[in-house]
Amino acid sequence: IFSLWSSAPETSECQYDPTNPKVNPLNPEGLKPCCACPQTKSARDGCFLKYGPEADENCKELVQNHLACMRSLGFKI
């Protein structure tokens, strides 16, 4: 029985952590999502600032590039 006063039950499976190089070999530096793919992130953010309300249409390719970069590092986005 699990209660608030007892510790969490042990699990035999290791949870997926994209920042842990032992679990995710695609991210050997252990980058966190906020620090991964700075080039594509900067380009995406700049596009959103430039186009404002029209950014959804004008920045699709940059958003897709950033998502592809993040996924290549093992982040599940």
PDB file of N, CA and C in Angstrom:
ATOM      1  N   ILE A   1       0.849  -1.165   0.000  1.00  0.00           N
ATOM      2  CA  ILE A   1       0.000   0.000   0.000  1.00  0.00           C
ATOM      3  C   ILE A   1       0.898   1.232   0.000  1.00  0.00           C
ATOM      4  N   PHE A   2       0.545   2.166  -0.836  1.00  0.00           N
ATOM      5  CA  PHE A   2       1.298   3.413  -0.954  1.00  0.00           C
ATOM      6  C   PHE A   2       0.566   4.529  -0.235  1.00  0.00           C
ATOM      7  N   SER A   3       1.263   5.264   0.583  1.00  0.00           N
ATOM      8  CA  SER A   3       0.643   6.399   1.273  1.00  0.00           C
ATOM      9  C   SER A   3       1.561   7.604   1.177  1.00  0.00           C
ATOM     10  N   LEU A   4       1.085   8.732   1.646  1.00  0.00           N
ATOM     11  CA  LEU A   4       1.877   9.954   1.615  1.00  0.00           C
ATOM     12  C   LEU A   4       3.102   9.872   2.518  1.00  0.00           C
ATOM     13  N   TRP A   5       3.070   9.015   3.527  1.00  0.00           N
ATOM     14  CA  TRP A   5       4.166   8.924   4.485  1.00  0.00           C
ATOM     15  C   TRP A   5       5.214   7.896   4.084  1.00  0.00           C
ATOM     16  N   SER A   6       4.902   7.051   3.150  1.00  0.00           N
ATOM     17  CA  SER A   6       5.892   6.066   2.714  1.00  0.00           C
ATOM     18  C   SER A   6       6.570   6.562   1.451  1.00  0.00           C
ATOM     19  N   SER A   7       7.700   5.990   1.160  1.00  0.00           N
ATOM     20  CA  SER A   7       8.406   6.396  -0.055  1.00  0.00           C
ATOM     21  C   SER A   7       7.700   5.816  -1.278  1.00  0.00           C
ATOM     22  N   ALA A   8       7.986   6.401  -2.408  1.00  0.00           N
ATOM     23  CA  ALA A   8       7.365   5.946  -3.657  1.00  0.00           C
ATOM     24  C   ALA A   8       7.804   4.524  -3.964  1.00  0.00           C
ATOM     25  N   PRO A   9       6.940   3.744  -4.572  1.00  0.00           N
ATOM     26  CA  PRO A   9       7.307   2.374  -4.908  1.00  0.00           C
ATOM     27  C   PRO A   9       8.449   2.361  -5.908  1.00  0.00           C
ATOM     28  N   GLU A  10       9.321   1.397  -5.746  1.00  0.00           N
ATOM     29  CA  GLU A  10      10.462   1.245  -6.645  1.00  0.00           C
ATOM     30  C   GLU A  10       9.990   0.714  -7.998  1.00  0.00           C
ATOM     31  N   THR A  11      10.584   1.238  -9.055  1.00  0.00           N
ATOM     32  CA  THR A  11      10.286   0.735 -10.388  1.00  0.00           C
ATOM     33  C   THR A  11      11.562   0.190 -10.985  1.00  0.00           C
ATOM     34  N   SER A  12      11.451  -0.864 -11.734  1.00  0.00           N
ATOM     35  CA  SER A  12      12.628  -1.480 -12.336  1.00  0.00           C
ATOM     36  C   SER A  12      13.022  -0.787 -13.634  1.00  0.00           C
ATOM     37  N   GLU A  13      12.107  -0.023 -14.225  1.00  0.00           N
ATOM     38  CA  GLU A  13      12.405   0.660 -15.472  1.00  0.00           C
ATOM     39  C   GLU A  13      13.048   2.011 -15.199  1.00  0.00           C
ATOM     40  N   CYS A  14      14.002   2.362 -16.027  1.00  0.00           N
ATOM     41  CA  CYS A  14      14.617   3.679 -15.936  1.00  0.00           C
ATOM     42  C   CYS A  14      13.786   4.628 -16.785  1.00  0.00           C
ATOM     43  N   GLN A  15      13.347   5.737 -16.208  1.00  0.00           N
ATOM     44  CA  GLN A  15      12.542   6.673 -16.966  1.00  0.00           C
ATOM     45  C   GLN A  15      13.409   7.396 -17.977  1.00  0.00           C
ATOM     46  N   TYR A  16      12.823   7.694 -19.119  1.00  0.00           N
ATOM     47  CA  TYR A  16      13.542   8.376 -20.186  1.00  0.00           C
ATOM     48  C   TYR A  16      13.802   9.818 -19.793  1.00  0.00           C
ATOM     49  N   ASP A  17      15.060  10.202 -19.813  1.00  0.00           N
ATOM     50  CA  ASP A  17      15.454  11.574 -19.521  1.00  0.00           C
ATOM     51  C   ASP A  17      16.346  12.041 -20.664  1.00  0.00           C
ATOM     52  N   PRO A  18      15.848  12.906 -21.543  1.00  0.00           N
ATOM     53  CA  PRO A  18      16.637  13.324 -22.709  1.00  0.00           C
ATOM     54  C   PRO A  18      17.898  14.087 -22.350  1.00  0.00           C
ATOM     55  N   THR A  19      18.018  14.556 -21.104  1.00  0.00           N
ATOM     56  CA  THR A  19      19.216  15.286 -20.702  1.00  0.00           C
ATOM     57  C   THR A  19      20.277  14.373 -20.099  1.00  0.00           C
ATOM     58  N   ASN A  20      19.963  13.103 -19.922  1.00  0.00           N
ATOM     59  CA  ASN A  20      20.901  12.148 -19.346  1.00  0.00           C
ATOM     60  C   ASN A  20      21.616  11.391 -20.459  1.00  0.00           C
ATOM     61  N   PRO A  21      22.915  11.645 -20.670  1.00  0.00           N
ATOM     62  CA  PRO A  21      23.647  10.977 -21.756  1.00  0.00           C
ATOM     63  C   PRO A  21      23.660   9.456 -21.637  1.00  0.00           C
ATOM     64  N   LYS A  22      23.508   8.921 -20.421  1.00  0.00           N
ATOM     65  CA  LYS A  22      23.487   7.468 -20.246  1.00  0.00           C
ATOM     66  C   LYS A  22      22.210   6.868 -20.811  1.00  0.00           C
ATOM     67  N   VAL A  23      21.122   7.619 -20.768  1.00  0.00           N
ATOM     68  CA  VAL A  23      19.831   7.158 -21.263  1.00  0.00           C
ATOM     69  C   VAL A  23      19.608   7.600 -22.701  1.00  0.00           C
ATOM     70  N   ASN A  24      20.152   8.763 -23.070  1.00  0.00           N
ATOM     71  CA  ASN A  24      19.942   9.331 -24.395  1.00  0.00           C
ATOM     72  C   ASN A  24      21.290   9.602 -25.075  1.00  0.00           C
ATOM     73  N   PRO A  25      21.779   8.676 -25.876  1.00  0.00           N
ATOM     74  CA  PRO A  25      23.066   8.883 -26.543  1.00  0.00           C
ATOM     75  C   PRO A  25      23.021   9.976 -27.616  1.00  0.00           C
ATOM     76  N   LEU A  26      21.833  10.421 -28.005  1.00  0.00           N
ATOM     77  CA  LEU A  26      21.717  11.498 -28.995  1.00  0.00           C
ATOM     78  C   LEU A  26      22.108  12.852 -28.400  1.00  0.00           C
ATOM     79  N   ASN A  27      22.153  12.940 -27.093  1.00  0.00           N
ATOM     80  CA  ASN A  27      22.474  14.182 -26.403  1.00  0.00           C
ATOM     81  C   ASN A  27      23.672  13.940 -25.470  1.00  0.00           C
ATOM     82  N   PRO A  28      24.867  13.717 -26.032  1.00  0.00           N
ATOM     83  CA  PRO A  28      26.022  13.352 -25.200  1.00  0.00           C
ATOM     84  C   PRO A  28      26.470  14.459 -24.247  1.00  0.00           C
ATOM     85  N   GLU A  29      26.126  15.702 -24.528  1.00  0.00           N
ATOM     86  CA  GLU A  29      26.506  16.806 -23.648  1.00  0.00           C
ATOM     87  C   GLU A  29      25.498  17.024 -22.528  1.00  0.00           C
ATOM     88  N   GLY A  30      24.357  16.341 -22.573  1.00  0.00           N
ATOM     89  CA  GLY A  30      23.336  16.495 -21.538  1.00  0.00           C
ATOM     90  C   GLY A  30      22.661  17.850 -21.555  1.00  0.00           C
ATOM     91  N   LEU A  31      22.480  18.412 -22.749  1.00  0.00           N
ATOM     92  CA  LEU A  31      21.849  19.728 -22.871  1.00  0.00           C
ATOM     93  C   LEU A  31      20.400  19.689 -22.407  1.00  0.00           C
ATOM     94  N   LYS A  32      19.982  20.737 -21.739  1.00  0.00           N
ATOM     95  CA  LYS A  32      18.577  20.892 -21.352  1.00  0.00           C
ATOM     96  C   LYS A  32      17.844  21.535 -22.527  1.00  0.00           C
ATOM     97  N   PRO A  33      16.521  21.365 -22.619  1.00  0.00           N
ATOM     98  CA  PRO A  33      15.774  21.914 -23.757  1.00  0.00           C
ATOM     99  C   PRO A  33      15.987  23.407 -23.977  1.00  0.00           C
ATOM    100  N   CYS A  34      16.162  24.152 -22.902  1.00  0.00           N
ATOM    101  CA  CYS A  34      16.331  25.604 -23.042  1.00  0.00           C
ATOM    102  C   CYS A  34      17.646  25.978 -23.715  1.00  0.00           C
ATOM    103  N   CYS A  35      18.627  25.084 -23.662  1.00  0.00           N
ATOM    104  CA  CYS A  35      19.961  25.390 -24.185  1.00  0.00           C
ATOM    105  C   CYS A  35      20.275  24.643 -25.477  1.00  0.00           C
ATOM    106  N   ALA A  36      19.408  23.750 -25.887  1.00  0.00           N
ATOM    107  CA  ALA A  36      19.644  22.953 -27.085  1.00  0.00           C
ATOM    108  C   ALA A  36      19.286  23.747 -28.335  1.00  0.00           C
ATOM    109  N   CYS A  37      19.988  23.515 -29.404  1.00  0.00           N
ATOM    110  CA  CYS A  37      19.704  24.096 -30.720  1.00  0.00           C
ATOM    111  C   CYS A  37      19.634  25.627 -30.693  1.00  0.00           C
ATOM    112  N   PRO A  38      20.678  26.299 -30.224  1.00  0.00           N
ATOM    113  CA  PRO A  38      20.606  27.757 -30.118  1.00  0.00           C
ATOM    114  C   PRO A  38      20.446  28.476 -31.458  1.00  0.00           C
ATOM    115  N   GLN A  39      21.016  27.924 -32.541  1.00  0.00           N
ATOM    116  CA  GLN A  39      20.906  28.593 -33.835  1.00  0.00           C
ATOM    117  C   GLN A  39      19.468  28.591 -34.344  1.00  0.00           C
ATOM    118  N   THR A  40      18.824  27.436 -34.316  1.00  0.00           N
ATOM    119  CA  THR A  40      17.451  27.364 -34.820  1.00  0.00           C
ATOM    120  C   THR A  40      16.485  28.070 -33.877  1.00  0.00           C
ATOM    121  N   LYS A  41      16.777  28.037 -32.591  1.00  0.00           N
ATOM    122  CA  LYS A  41      15.925  28.725 -31.618  1.00  0.00           C
ATOM    123  C   LYS A  41      15.986  30.237 -31.842  1.00  0.00           C
ATOM    124  N   SER A  42      17.186  30.750 -32.043  1.00  0.00           N
ATOM    125  CA  SER A  42      17.362  32.183 -32.266  1.00  0.00           C
ATOM    126  C   SER A  42      16.670  32.642 -33.542  1.00  0.00           C
ATOM    127  N   ALA A  43      16.810  31.860 -34.606  1.00  0.00           N
ATOM    128  CA  ALA A  43      16.167  32.205 -35.871  1.00  0.00           C
ATOM    129  C   ALA A  43      14.647  32.183 -35.729  1.00  0.00           C
ATOM    130  N   ARG A  44      14.129  31.179 -35.048  1.00  0.00           N
ATOM    131  CA  ARG A  44      12.679  31.077 -34.822  1.00  0.00           C
ATOM    132  C   ARG A  44      12.174  32.256 -34.007  1.00  0.00           C
ATOM    133  N   ASP A  45      12.852  32.564 -32.914  1.00  0.00           N
ATOM    134  CA  ASP A  45      12.427  33.662 -32.045  1.00  0.00           C
ATOM    135  C   ASP A  45      12.495  35.006 -32.775  1.00  0.00           C
ATOM    136  N   GLY A  46      13.557  35.206 -33.558  1.00  0.00           N
ATOM    137  CA  GLY A  46      13.689  36.438 -34.328  1.00  0.00           C
ATOM    138  C   GLY A  46      12.565  36.607 -35.327  1.00  0.00           C
ATOM    139  N   CYS A  47      12.167  35.522 -35.943  1.00  0.00           N
ATOM    140  CA  CYS A  47      11.068  35.558 -36.902  1.00  0.00           C
ATOM    141  C   CYS A  47       9.763  35.954 -36.204  1.00  0.00           C
ATOM    142  N   PHE A  48       9.514  35.375 -35.032  1.00  0.00           N
ATOM    143  CA  PHE A  48       8.291  35.709 -34.296  1.00  0.00           C
ATOM    144  C   PHE A  48       8.282  37.174 -33.884  1.00  0.00           C
ATOM    145  N   LEU A  49       9.444  37.692 -33.499  1.00  0.00           N
ATOM    146  CA  LEU A  49       9.508  39.112 -33.125  1.00  0.00           C
ATOM    147  C   LEU A  49       9.309  40.013 -34.336  1.00  0.00           C
ATOM    148  N   LYS A  50       9.837  39.605 -35.473  1.00  0.00           N
ATOM    149  CA  LYS A  50       9.742  40.413 -36.692  1.00  0.00           C
ATOM    150  C   LYS A  50       8.316  40.476 -37.234  1.00  0.00           C
ATOM    151  N   TYR A  51       7.638  39.330 -37.259  1.00  0.00           N
ATOM    152  CA  TYR A  51       6.332  39.255 -37.910  1.00  0.00           C
ATOM    153  C   TYR A  51       5.135  39.398 -36.976  1.00  0.00           C
ATOM    154  N   GLY A  52       5.336  39.281 -35.691  1.00  0.00           N
ATOM    155  CA  GLY A  52       4.233  39.451 -34.740  1.00  0.00           C
ATOM    156  C   GLY A  52       3.044  38.567 -35.056  1.00  0.00           C
ATOM    157  N   PRO A  53       1.861  39.163 -35.270  1.00  0.00           N
ATOM    158  CA  PRO A  53       0.643  38.378 -35.493  1.00  0.00           C
ATOM    159  C   PRO A  53       0.692  37.482 -36.745  1.00  0.00           C
ATOM    160  N   GLU A  54       1.496  37.855 -37.733  1.00  0.00           N
ATOM    161  CA  GLU A  54       1.592  37.044 -38.951  1.00  0.00           C
ATOM    162  C   GLU A  54       2.670  35.970 -38.851  1.00  0.00           C
ATOM    163  N   ALA A  55       3.260  35.795 -37.675  1.00  0.00           N
ATOM    164  CA  ALA A  55       4.373  34.861 -37.505  1.00  0.00           C
ATOM    165  C   ALA A  55       3.980  33.413 -37.786  1.00  0.00           C
ATOM    166  N   ASP A  56       2.760  33.040 -37.441  1.00  0.00           N
ATOM    167  CA  ASP A  56       2.349  31.648 -37.662  1.00  0.00           C
ATOM    168  C   ASP A  56       2.564  31.238 -39.112  1.00  0.00           C
ATOM    169  N   GLU A  57       2.201  32.087 -40.031  1.00  0.00           N
ATOM    170  CA  GLU A  57       2.323  31.764 -41.458  1.00  0.00           C
ATOM    171  C   GLU A  57       3.751  31.960 -41.960  1.00  0.00           C
ATOM    172  N   ASN A  58       4.409  33.018 -41.526  1.00  0.00           N
ATOM    173  CA  ASN A  58       5.724  33.372 -42.052  1.00  0.00           C
ATOM    174  C   ASN A  58       6.880  32.579 -41.450  1.00  0.00           C
ATOM    175  N   CYS A  59       6.681  31.964 -40.307  1.00  0.00           N
ATOM    176  CA  CYS A  59       7.788  31.311 -39.601  1.00  0.00           C
ATOM    177  C   CYS A  59       7.673  29.791 -39.550  1.00  0.00           C
ATOM    178  N   LYS A  60       6.773  29.214 -40.329  1.00  0.00           N
ATOM    179  CA  LYS A  60       6.551  27.766 -40.277  1.00  0.00           C
ATOM    180  C   LYS A  60       7.832  26.970 -40.492  1.00  0.00           C
ATOM    181  N   GLU A  61       8.602  27.351 -41.492  1.00  0.00           N
ATOM    182  CA  GLU A  61       9.817  26.597 -41.820  1.00  0.00           C
ATOM    183  C   GLU A  61      10.841  26.668 -40.683  1.00  0.00           C
ATOM    184  N   LEU A  62      10.978  27.840 -40.078  1.00  0.00           N
ATOM    185  CA  LEU A  62      11.925  27.980 -38.977  1.00  0.00           C
ATOM    186  C   LEU A  62      11.486  27.184 -37.753  1.00  0.00           C
ATOM    187  N   VAL A  63      10.194  27.139 -37.506  1.00  0.00           N
ATOM    188  CA  VAL A  63       9.661  26.342 -36.400  1.00  0.00           C
ATOM    189  C   VAL A  63       9.933  24.863 -36.669  1.00  0.00           C
ATOM    190  N   GLN A  64       9.689  24.413 -37.891  1.00  0.00           N
ATOM    191  CA  GLN A  64       9.936  23.012 -38.239  1.00  0.00           C
ATOM    192  C   GLN A  64      11.421  22.664 -38.119  1.00  0.00           C
ATOM    193  N   ASN A  65      12.291  23.587 -38.513  1.00  0.00           N
ATOM    194  CA  ASN A  65      13.738  23.351 -38.383  1.00  0.00           C
ATOM    195  C   ASN A  65      14.131  23.193 -36.916  1.00  0.00           C
ATOM    196  N   HIS A  66      13.552  24.017 -36.063  1.00  0.00           N
ATOM    197  CA  HIS A  66      13.879  23.933 -34.634  1.00  0.00           C
ATOM    198  C   HIS A  66      13.345  22.626 -34.038  1.00  0.00           C
ATOM    199  N   LEU A  67      12.141  22.251 -34.403  1.00  0.00           N
ATOM    200  CA  LEU A  67      11.590  20.981 -33.917  1.00  0.00           C
ATOM    201  C   LEU A  67      12.445  19.801 -34.367  1.00  0.00           C
ATOM    202  N   ALA A  68      12.903  19.828 -35.611  1.00  0.00           N
ATOM    203  CA  ALA A  68      13.751  18.755 -36.132  1.00  0.00           C
ATOM    204  C   ALA A  68      15.063  18.684 -35.359  1.00  0.00           C
ATOM    205  N   CYS A  69      15.639  19.835 -35.056  1.00  0.00           N
ATOM    206  CA  CYS A  69      16.880  19.866 -34.281  1.00  0.00           C
ATOM    207  C   CYS A  69      16.666  19.289 -32.885  1.00  0.00           C
ATOM    208  N   MET A  70      15.603  19.697 -32.225  1.00  0.00           N
ATOM    209  CA  MET A  70      15.316  19.199 -30.881  1.00  0.00           C
ATOM    210  C   MET A  70      15.086  17.682 -30.895  1.00  0.00           C
ATOM    211  N   ARG A  71      14.359  17.211 -31.875  1.00  0.00           N
ATOM    212  CA  ARG A  71      14.107  15.767 -31.982  1.00  0.00           C
ATOM    213  C   ARG A  71      15.395  15.003 -32.265  1.00  0.00           C
ATOM    214  N   SER A  72      16.317  15.616 -33.013  1.00  0.00           N
ATOM    215  CA  SER A  72      17.582  14.944 -33.320  1.00  0.00           C
ATOM    216  C   SER A  72      18.423  14.759 -32.069  1.00  0.00           C
ATOM    217  N   LEU A  73      18.144  15.546 -31.033  1.00  0.00           N
ATOM    218  CA  LEU A  73      18.840  15.396 -29.750  1.00  0.00           C
ATOM    219  C   LEU A  73      18.075  14.502 -28.780  1.00  0.00           C
ATOM    220  N   GLY A  74      16.968  13.927 -29.246  1.00  0.00           N
ATOM    221  CA  GLY A  74      16.213  12.980 -28.421  1.00  0.00           C
ATOM    222  C   GLY A  74      15.090  13.583 -27.619  1.00  0.00           C
ATOM    223  N   PHE A  75      14.807  14.864 -27.798  1.00  0.00           N
ATOM    224  CA  PHE A  75      13.689  15.460 -27.071  1.00  0.00           C
ATOM    225  C   PHE A  75      12.386  15.078 -27.753  1.00  0.00           C
ATOM    226  N   LYS A  76      11.409  14.692 -26.958  1.00  0.00           N
ATOM    227  CA  LYS A  76      10.120  14.257 -27.494  1.00  0.00           C
ATOM    228  C   LYS A  76       9.194  15.442 -27.541  1.00  0.00           C
ATOM    229  N   ILE A  77       9.148  16.081 -28.720  1.00  0.00           N
ATOM    230  CA  ILE A  77       8.344  17.286 -28.900  1.00  0.00           C
ATOM    231  C   ILE A  77       7.264  16.994 -29.928  1.00  0.00           C
TER     232      ILE A  77
END
